[in-house]
Amino acid sequence: MRISKIEKKTLDILVYEKLKEMILKGILKPGDQIIQEQIAKEMGVSRTPLRRALSQLEKEYLVREENGRLYVRELTREELVIIFEIRALLEGLTARLTAKDPDIEWLNEIESRYKSSVEKGDYTEYRNTDIEFHTGLAKRVRNHILSQATNNFWLLSVCLFQGLLRDPKETLPEHLGIIEALKEKDSKKAEELMREHIRRTIRKIESL
């Protein structure tokens, strides 16, 4: 049976998204070698769509090649600081623009989950909520270029640094403050709080 161009493209996207998810969730960790035969077998696909997906992830700085082998990229402290500096600028702007979004129901849900995860000490859920919050803001920006750029740098920092840099009990008030500013449609305050939130993480990285 011949596979159409549309089916091929769909398969390429699915493999690419699955690989990115594996990196995001820490199934493939920074420094891990990517064994293509093994992953292709697990996904039930041929090497061709897998190679195309890996090529795209290499362009996005999530994967690196060394001596003919592919690895999940590891970041130096200096690289991580630069990525967070860019995030502070991009996500600050994103917060300012999304403060005009009329939909606040999703923010109420995020706020509730942030509080609940800290109360239960469930930091995996806290991290997952954080992922949804930051990606949710990027999705709601009515500017494709800003949305894509914000999401790309956010993914770099999260995928290539597993775990939490700061204690959720410390970052929870910051997240709640940003959410409150967004719900109040205070674009200036939302931008300032988001930038300061990320820059506090930068100071933490620099102290490591």
C-alpha atoms as a PDB file:
ATOM      1  CA  MET A   1       0.000   0.000   0.000  1.00  0.00           C
ATOM      2  CA  ARG A   2       1.392   3.366  -1.015  1.00  0.00           C
ATOM      3  CA  ILE A   3       1.498   6.095   1.639  1.00  0.00           C
ATOM      4  CA  SER A   4       0.336   9.542   0.500  1.00  0.00           C
ATOM      5  CA  LYS A   5       2.414  12.699   1.019  1.00  0.00           C
ATOM      6  CA  ILE A   6      -0.124  13.883   3.608  1.00  0.00           C
ATOM      7  CA  GLU A   7       0.192  10.609   5.540  1.00  0.00           C
ATOM      8  CA  LYS A   8       3.992  10.858   5.422  1.00  0.00           C
ATOM      9  CA  LYS A   9       3.883  14.429   6.740  1.00  0.00           C
ATOM     10  CA  THR A  10       1.474  13.423   9.495  1.00  0.00           C
ATOM     11  CA  LEU A  11       3.756  10.553  10.525  1.00  0.00           C
ATOM     12  CA  ASP A  12       6.772  12.878  10.561  1.00  0.00           C
ATOM     13  CA  ILE A  13       4.926  15.294  12.865  1.00  0.00           C
ATOM     14  CA  LEU A  14       3.783  12.515  15.190  1.00  0.00           C
ATOM     15  CA  VAL A  15       7.311  11.099  15.525  1.00  0.00           C
ATOM     16  CA  TYR A  16       8.756  14.588  16.047  1.00  0.00           C
ATOM     17  CA  GLU A  17       6.191  15.431  18.751  1.00  0.00           C
ATOM     18  CA  LYS A  18       6.705  12.077  20.483  1.00  0.00           C
ATOM     19  CA  LEU A  19      10.474  12.548  20.590  1.00  0.00           C
ATOM     20  CA  LYS A  20      10.110  16.067  21.957  1.00  0.00           C
ATOM     21  CA  GLU A  21       7.695  14.757  24.597  1.00  0.00           C
ATOM     22  CA  MET A  22      10.231  12.079  25.594  1.00  0.00           C
ATOM     23  CA  ILE A  23      12.839  14.810  26.152  1.00  0.00           C
ATOM     24  CA  LEU A  24      10.382  17.077  27.964  1.00  0.00           C
ATOM     25  CA  LYS A  25       9.303  14.316  30.357  1.00  0.00           C
ATOM     26  CA  GLY A  26      12.865  13.189  31.016  1.00  0.00           C
ATOM     27  CA  ILE A  27      12.477   9.789  29.364  1.00  0.00           C
ATOM     28  CA  LEU A  28      15.422  10.930  27.262  1.00  0.00           C
ATOM     29  CA  LYS A  29      17.666  12.953  29.591  1.00  0.00           C
ATOM     30  CA  PRO A  30      20.391  15.497  28.797  1.00  0.00           C
ATOM     31  CA  GLY A  31      23.521  13.605  27.762  1.00  0.00           C
ATOM     32  CA  ASP A  32      21.649  10.413  26.806  1.00  0.00           C
ATOM     33  CA  GLN A  33      22.640   8.815  23.536  1.00  0.00           C
ATOM     34  CA  ILE A  34      19.718   8.403  21.175  1.00  0.00           C
ATOM     35  CA  ILE A  35      19.649   4.799  19.955  1.00  0.00           C
ATOM     36  CA  GLN A  36      17.671   5.144  16.745  1.00  0.00           C
ATOM     37  CA  GLU A  37      17.012   1.441  16.177  1.00  0.00           C
ATOM     38  CA  GLN A  38      15.578   1.090  19.677  1.00  0.00           C
ATOM     39  CA  ILE A  39      13.359   4.181  19.472  1.00  0.00           C
ATOM     40  CA  ALA A  40      12.104   3.278  15.981  1.00  0.00           C
ATOM     41  CA  LYS A  41      11.157  -0.165  17.275  1.00  0.00           C
ATOM     42  CA  GLU A  42       9.385   1.270  20.338  1.00  0.00           C
ATOM     43  CA  MET A  43       7.421   3.702  18.166  1.00  0.00           C
ATOM     44  CA  GLY A  44       6.681   1.104  15.501  1.00  0.00           C
ATOM     45  CA  VAL A  45       8.054   3.277  12.689  1.00  0.00           C
ATOM     46  CA  SER A  46      10.863   3.070  10.154  1.00  0.00           C
ATOM     47  CA  ARG A  47      14.131   4.952  10.528  1.00  0.00           C
ATOM     48  CA  THR A  48      13.166   7.501   7.841  1.00  0.00           C
ATOM     49  CA  PRO A  49      10.590   9.589   9.783  1.00  0.00           C
ATOM     50  CA  LEU A  50      12.747   9.211  12.892  1.00  0.00           C
ATOM     51  CA  ARG A  51      15.780  10.659  11.104  1.00  0.00           C
ATOM     52  CA  ARG A  52      13.713  13.593   9.855  1.00  0.00           C
ATOM     53  CA  ALA A  53      12.401  14.243  13.373  1.00  0.00           C
ATOM     54  CA  LEU A  54      15.910  14.108  14.847  1.00  0.00           C
ATOM     55  CA  SER A  55      17.176  16.479  12.166  1.00  0.00           C
ATOM     56  CA  GLN A  56      14.487  18.995  13.167  1.00  0.00           C
ATOM     57  CA  LEU A  57      15.291  18.608  16.869  1.00  0.00           C
ATOM     58  CA  GLU A  58      18.967  19.176  16.092  1.00  0.00           C
ATOM     59  CA  LYS A  59      18.037  22.469  14.407  1.00  0.00           C
ATOM     60  CA  GLU A  60      16.077  23.386  17.535  1.00  0.00           C
ATOM     61  CA  TYR A  61      19.172  22.791  19.681  1.00  0.00           C
ATOM     62  CA  LEU A  62      17.615  19.891  21.597  1.00  0.00           C
ATOM     63  CA  VAL A  63      19.804  17.240  20.001  1.00  0.00           C
ATOM     64  CA  ARG A  64      23.501  17.295  19.105  1.00  0.00           C
ATOM     65  CA  GLU A  65      25.710  15.121  16.913  1.00  0.00           C
ATOM     66  CA  GLU A  66      29.122  13.883  17.965  1.00  0.00           C
ATOM     67  CA  ASN A  67      31.258  11.367  16.065  1.00  0.00           C
ATOM     68  CA  GLY A  68      28.277  10.180  14.088  1.00  0.00           C
ATOM     69  CA  ARG A  69      26.147   9.632  17.197  1.00  0.00           C
ATOM     70  CA  LEU A  70      23.210  11.682  18.429  1.00  0.00           C
ATOM     71  CA  TYR A  71      22.712  12.820  22.020  1.00  0.00           C
ATOM     72  CA  VAL A  72      20.207  14.897  23.944  1.00  0.00           C
ATOM     73  CA  ARG A  73      21.980  18.201  24.351  1.00  0.00           C
ATOM     74  CA  GLU A  74      23.406  19.275  27.696  1.00  0.00           C
ATOM     75  CA  LEU A  75      23.613  22.949  28.620  1.00  0.00           C
ATOM     76  CA  THR A  76      26.444  24.744  30.353  1.00  0.00           C
ATOM     77  CA  ARG A  77      25.544  27.138  33.145  1.00  0.00           C
ATOM     78  CA  GLU A  78      26.408  30.078  30.864  1.00  0.00           C
ATOM     79  CA  GLU A  79      24.106  28.778  28.124  1.00  0.00           C
ATOM     80  CA  LEU A  80      21.304  28.246  30.619  1.00  0.00           C
ATOM     81  CA  VAL A  81      21.647  31.816  31.916  1.00  0.00           C
ATOM     82  CA  ILE A  82      21.439  33.233  28.382  1.00  0.00           C
ATOM     83  CA  ILE A  83      18.345  31.141  27.629  1.00  0.00           C
ATOM     84  CA  PHE A  84      16.628  32.401  30.791  1.00  0.00           C
ATOM     85  CA  GLU A  85      17.626  35.998  29.988  1.00  0.00           C
ATOM     86  CA  ILE A  86      15.911  35.657  26.613  1.00  0.00           C
ATOM     87  CA  ARG A  87      12.938  34.001  28.299  1.00  0.00           C
ATOM     88  CA  ALA A  88      12.594  36.948  30.678  1.00  0.00           C
ATOM     89  CA  LEU A  89      12.231  39.338  27.756  1.00  0.00           C
ATOM     90  CA  LEU A  90       9.979  37.148  25.618  1.00  0.00           C
ATOM     91  CA  GLU A  91       7.715  35.902  28.408  1.00  0.00           C
ATOM     92  CA  GLY A  92       7.432  39.359  29.905  1.00  0.00           C
ATOM     93  CA  LEU A  93       6.106  40.594  26.573  1.00  0.00           C
ATOM     94  CA  THR A  94       3.885  37.528  26.307  1.00  0.00           C
ATOM     95  CA  ALA A  95       2.383  38.219  29.742  1.00  0.00           C
ATOM     96  CA  ARG A  96       1.749  41.862  28.809  1.00  0.00           C
ATOM     97  CA  LEU A  97      -0.107  40.917  25.642  1.00  0.00           C
ATOM     98  CA  THR A  98      -2.080  38.007  27.092  1.00  0.00           C
ATOM     99  CA  ALA A  99      -3.377  40.241  29.896  1.00  0.00           C
ATOM    100  CA  LYS A 100      -5.905  41.356  27.271  1.00  0.00           C
ATOM    101  CA  ASP A 101      -7.200  37.792  26.831  1.00  0.00           C
ATOM    102  CA  PRO A 102     -10.866  37.673  27.965  1.00  0.00           C
ATOM    103  CA  ASP A 103     -10.645  33.982  28.953  1.00  0.00           C
ATOM    104  CA  ILE A 104      -9.692  33.704  32.625  1.00  0.00           C
ATOM    105  CA  GLU A 105     -11.250  30.318  33.379  1.00  0.00           C
ATOM    106  CA  TRP A 106      -8.051  28.514  32.430  1.00  0.00           C
ATOM    107  CA  LEU A 107      -6.140  30.795  34.828  1.00  0.00           C
ATOM    108  CA  ASN A 108      -8.485  29.876  37.669  1.00  0.00           C
ATOM    109  CA  GLU A 109      -7.817  26.192  37.010  1.00  0.00           C
ATOM    110  CA  ILE A 110      -4.038  26.741  36.865  1.00  0.00           C
ATOM    111  CA  GLU A 111      -4.156  28.763  40.099  1.00  0.00           C
ATOM    112  CA  SER A 112      -6.069  25.992  41.859  1.00  0.00           C
ATOM    113  CA  ARG A 113      -3.661  23.304  40.667  1.00  0.00           C
ATOM    114  CA  TYR A 114      -0.594  25.328  41.715  1.00  0.00           C
ATOM    115  CA  LYS A 115      -1.979  25.697  45.251  1.00  0.00           C
ATOM    116  CA  SER A 116      -3.155  22.087  45.505  1.00  0.00           C
ATOM    117  CA  SER A 117       0.169  20.605  44.341  1.00  0.00           C
ATOM    118  CA  VAL A 118       2.140  22.614  46.919  1.00  0.00           C
ATOM    119  CA  GLU A 119      -0.294  21.701  49.705  1.00  0.00           C
ATOM    120  CA  LYS A 120       0.098  18.009  48.830  1.00  0.00           C
ATOM    121  CA  GLY A 121       3.840  18.290  48.259  1.00  0.00           C
ATOM    122  CA  ASP A 122       3.307  16.863  44.769  1.00  0.00           C
ATOM    123  CA  TYR A 123       6.115  18.585  42.917  1.00  0.00           C
ATOM    124  CA  THR A 124       5.649  16.507  39.771  1.00  0.00           C
ATOM    125  CA  GLU A 125       2.146  17.942  39.484  1.00  0.00           C
ATOM    126  CA  TYR A 126       3.543  21.402  40.242  1.00  0.00           C
ATOM    127  CA  ARG A 127       6.011  21.068  37.365  1.00  0.00           C
ATOM    128  CA  ASN A 128       3.267  19.829  35.033  1.00  0.00           C
ATOM    129  CA  THR A 129       1.076  22.780  36.030  1.00  0.00           C
ATOM    130  CA  ASP A 130       3.989  25.130  35.398  1.00  0.00           C
ATOM    131  CA  ILE A 131       4.403  23.632  31.930  1.00  0.00           C
ATOM    132  CA  GLU A 132       0.725  24.240  31.161  1.00  0.00           C
ATOM    133  CA  PHE A 133       0.864  27.799  32.506  1.00  0.00           C
ATOM    134  CA  HIS A 134       3.862  28.949  30.486  1.00  0.00           C
ATOM    135  CA  THR A 135       2.872  27.128  27.291  1.00  0.00           C
ATOM    136  CA  GLY A 136      -0.716  28.314  27.738  1.00  0.00           C
ATOM    137  CA  LEU A 137       0.399  31.934  27.767  1.00  0.00           C
ATOM    138  CA  ALA A 138       2.476  31.410  24.619  1.00  0.00           C
ATOM    139  CA  LYS A 139      -0.491  29.818  22.834  1.00  0.00           C
ATOM    140  CA  ARG A 140      -2.760  32.755  23.653  1.00  0.00           C
ATOM    141  CA  VAL A 141      -0.512  35.423  22.138  1.00  0.00           C
ATOM    142  CA  ARG A 142      -2.093  36.590  18.910  1.00  0.00           C
ATOM    143  CA  ASN A 143       1.282  36.814  17.224  1.00  0.00           C
ATOM    144  CA  HIS A 144       2.714  33.663  15.694  1.00  0.00           C
ATOM    145  CA  ILE A 145       6.336  34.864  15.694  1.00  0.00           C
ATOM    146  CA  LEU A 146       6.295  35.787  19.390  1.00  0.00           C
ATOM    147  CA  SER A 147       4.382  32.638  20.309  1.00  0.00           C
ATOM    148  CA  GLN A 148       6.853  30.381  18.493  1.00  0.00           C
ATOM    149  CA  ALA A 149       9.944  32.150  19.818  1.00  0.00           C
ATOM    150  CA  THR A 150       8.623  32.106  23.403  1.00  0.00           C
ATOM    151  CA  ASN A 151       7.751  28.429  23.200  1.00  0.00           C
ATOM    152  CA  ASN A 152      11.107  27.482  21.658  1.00  0.00           C
ATOM    153  CA  PHE A 153      13.206  29.083  24.400  1.00  0.00           C
ATOM    154  CA  TRP A 154      10.888  27.832  27.123  1.00  0.00           C
ATOM    155  CA  LEU A 155      11.258  24.296  25.773  1.00  0.00           C
ATOM    156  CA  LEU A 156      15.033  24.598  25.688  1.00  0.00           C
ATOM    157  CA  SER A 157      15.229  25.521  29.349  1.00  0.00           C
ATOM    158  CA  VAL A 158      12.716  22.905  30.507  1.00  0.00           C
ATOM    159  CA  CYS A 159      13.775  19.999  28.295  1.00  0.00           C
ATOM    160  CA  LEU A 160      17.479  20.419  28.885  1.00  0.00           C
ATOM    161  CA  PHE A 161      17.283  21.078  32.603  1.00  0.00           C
ATOM    162  CA  GLN A 162      15.236  18.415  34.326  1.00  0.00           C
ATOM    163  CA  GLY A 163      13.797  19.104  37.753  1.00  0.00           C
ATOM    164  CA  LEU A 164      13.038  22.340  39.601  1.00  0.00           C
ATOM    165  CA  LEU A 165      15.626  25.060  40.074  1.00  0.00           C
ATOM    166  CA  ARG A 166      13.736  26.670  42.963  1.00  0.00           C
ATOM    167  CA  ASP A 167      11.470  25.369  45.711  1.00  0.00           C
ATOM    168  CA  PRO A 168       7.767  25.558  44.700  1.00  0.00           C
ATOM    169  CA  LYS A 169       7.011  27.161  48.074  1.00  0.00           C
ATOM    170  CA  GLU A 170       9.235  30.025  46.935  1.00  0.00           C
ATOM    171  CA  THR A 171       7.887  30.307  43.383  1.00  0.00           C
ATOM    172  CA  LEU A 172       4.189  29.784  44.213  1.00  0.00           C
ATOM    173  CA  PRO A 173       3.591  33.395  45.399  1.00  0.00           C
ATOM    174  CA  GLU A 174       5.302  34.634  42.228  1.00  0.00           C
ATOM    175  CA  HIS A 175       3.058  32.532  39.998  1.00  0.00           C
ATOM    176  CA  LEU A 176      -0.044  33.595  41.899  1.00  0.00           C
ATOM    177  CA  GLY A 177       0.969  37.253  41.574  1.00  0.00           C
ATOM    178  CA  ILE A 178       1.367  36.921  37.804  1.00  0.00           C
ATOM    179  CA  ILE A 179      -1.983  35.150  37.513  1.00  0.00           C
ATOM    180  CA  GLU A 180      -3.707  37.859  39.580  1.00  0.00           C
ATOM    181  CA  ALA A 181      -2.253  40.607  37.373  1.00  0.00           C
ATOM    182  CA  LEU A 182      -3.433  38.733  34.263  1.00  0.00           C
ATOM    183  CA  LYS A 183      -6.941  38.343  35.659  1.00  0.00           C
ATOM    184  CA  GLU A 184      -7.009  42.049  36.555  1.00  0.00           C
ATOM    185  CA  LYS A 185      -5.951  42.876  32.960  1.00  0.00           C
ATOM    186  CA  ASP A 186      -2.964  44.796  34.361  1.00  0.00           C
ATOM    187  CA  SER A 187      -0.599  44.291  31.436  1.00  0.00           C
ATOM    188  CA  LYS A 188       2.272  46.369  32.844  1.00  0.00           C
ATOM    189  CA  LYS A 189       2.254  44.578  36.195  1.00  0.00           C
ATOM    190  CA  ALA A 190       1.964  41.151  34.537  1.00  0.00           C
ATOM    191  CA  GLU A 191       5.033  41.894  32.404  1.00  0.00           C
ATOM    192  CA  GLU A 192       7.081  43.189  35.348  1.00  0.00           C
ATOM    193  CA  LEU A 193       6.188  40.242  37.594  1.00  0.00           C
ATOM    194  CA  MET A 194       6.941  37.677  34.891  1.00  0.00           C
ATOM    195  CA  ARG A 195      10.348  39.190  34.152  1.00  0.00           C
ATOM    196  CA  GLU A 196      11.257  39.361  37.838  1.00  0.00           C
ATOM    197  CA  HIS A 197      10.044  35.777  38.343  1.00  0.00           C
ATOM    198  CA  ILE A 198      12.416  34.511  35.653  1.00  0.00           C
ATOM    199  CA  ARG A 199      15.303  36.747  36.713  1.00  0.00           C
ATOM    200  CA  ARG A 200      15.137  35.359  40.239  1.00  0.00           C
ATOM    201  CA  THR A 201      15.753  31.960  38.674  1.00  0.00           C
ATOM    202  CA  ILE A 202      18.726  33.412  36.800  1.00  0.00           C
ATOM    203  CA  ARG A 203      20.212  34.595  40.072  1.00  0.00           C
ATOM    204  CA  LYS A 204      19.719  31.076  41.433  1.00  0.00           C
ATOM    205  CA  ILE A 205      21.539  29.556  38.422  1.00  0.00           C
ATOM    206  CA  GLU A 206      24.424  32.000  38.803  1.00  0.00           C
ATOM    207  CA  SER A 207      24.832  30.994  42.463  1.00  0.00           C
ATOM    208  CA  LEU A 208      25.142  27.284  41.676  1.00  0.00           C
END
